Amino acid sequence: MARAREFAQAWAIAWPEAASICFTYMVTLSIFPAFFAVSGVKSEALGDWYAVLCIALWNLGDLGAKLLLGVERLHIRERRTGWMLAASRATFWPALSVAVHAGAGEAIVCTLSLLLGATNGYVGGGILMLAPQLAPPHMREAVGNLAVLALVLGLVVGGWLSFLWDA
């Protein structure tokens, strides 16, 4: 019963961050890598390497953004900022869909892939760092556990949503 009470207290403190983390990773996994595998991303010049390049750029953006979070001045410091950044990632769904179906070209799709990775690294990592800081010291571990639970839930829901690209 004590663990349930602790979880409820952690939820009361950090539900906005949990929702932001869940949404961030849901968007990510609903697009990456399924979109590049099944949505018709094709290039005559790059052939089969086009999807590999897009995935590599996503990874580069993700890594670069997470490294930027090592600079204290670049941390997400407010819950509203975290939520707005997480919500803005929803624009990748229509942007990538339009880019591919309108034949926008390799450079645009690769840029969108890089930005998807960069926003995943920055927003996901930034909110995961912010959540425990908003809690009192005795609740930080519970809030961190809640953040990880939200991350896993986002990955699961995003994985389910990724099947819609093939529909």
Foldseek 3Di string as FASTA:
>chain_A
DVLVVLLVVLCVQFVLLLQLLLLLLLLVLLCPPLVLVAQQDADPVCGPCLSVLLQVLLQVLLVVLLVVVVDVVLADADSVVLNVLSVVSVVLVVQLNCCRVVVVDSVSSSVSSNVSSNSSNNSNVRSLVRSLVRDPPVSSVSNNVSNVVSNVNSNVNSNVSNVVSND
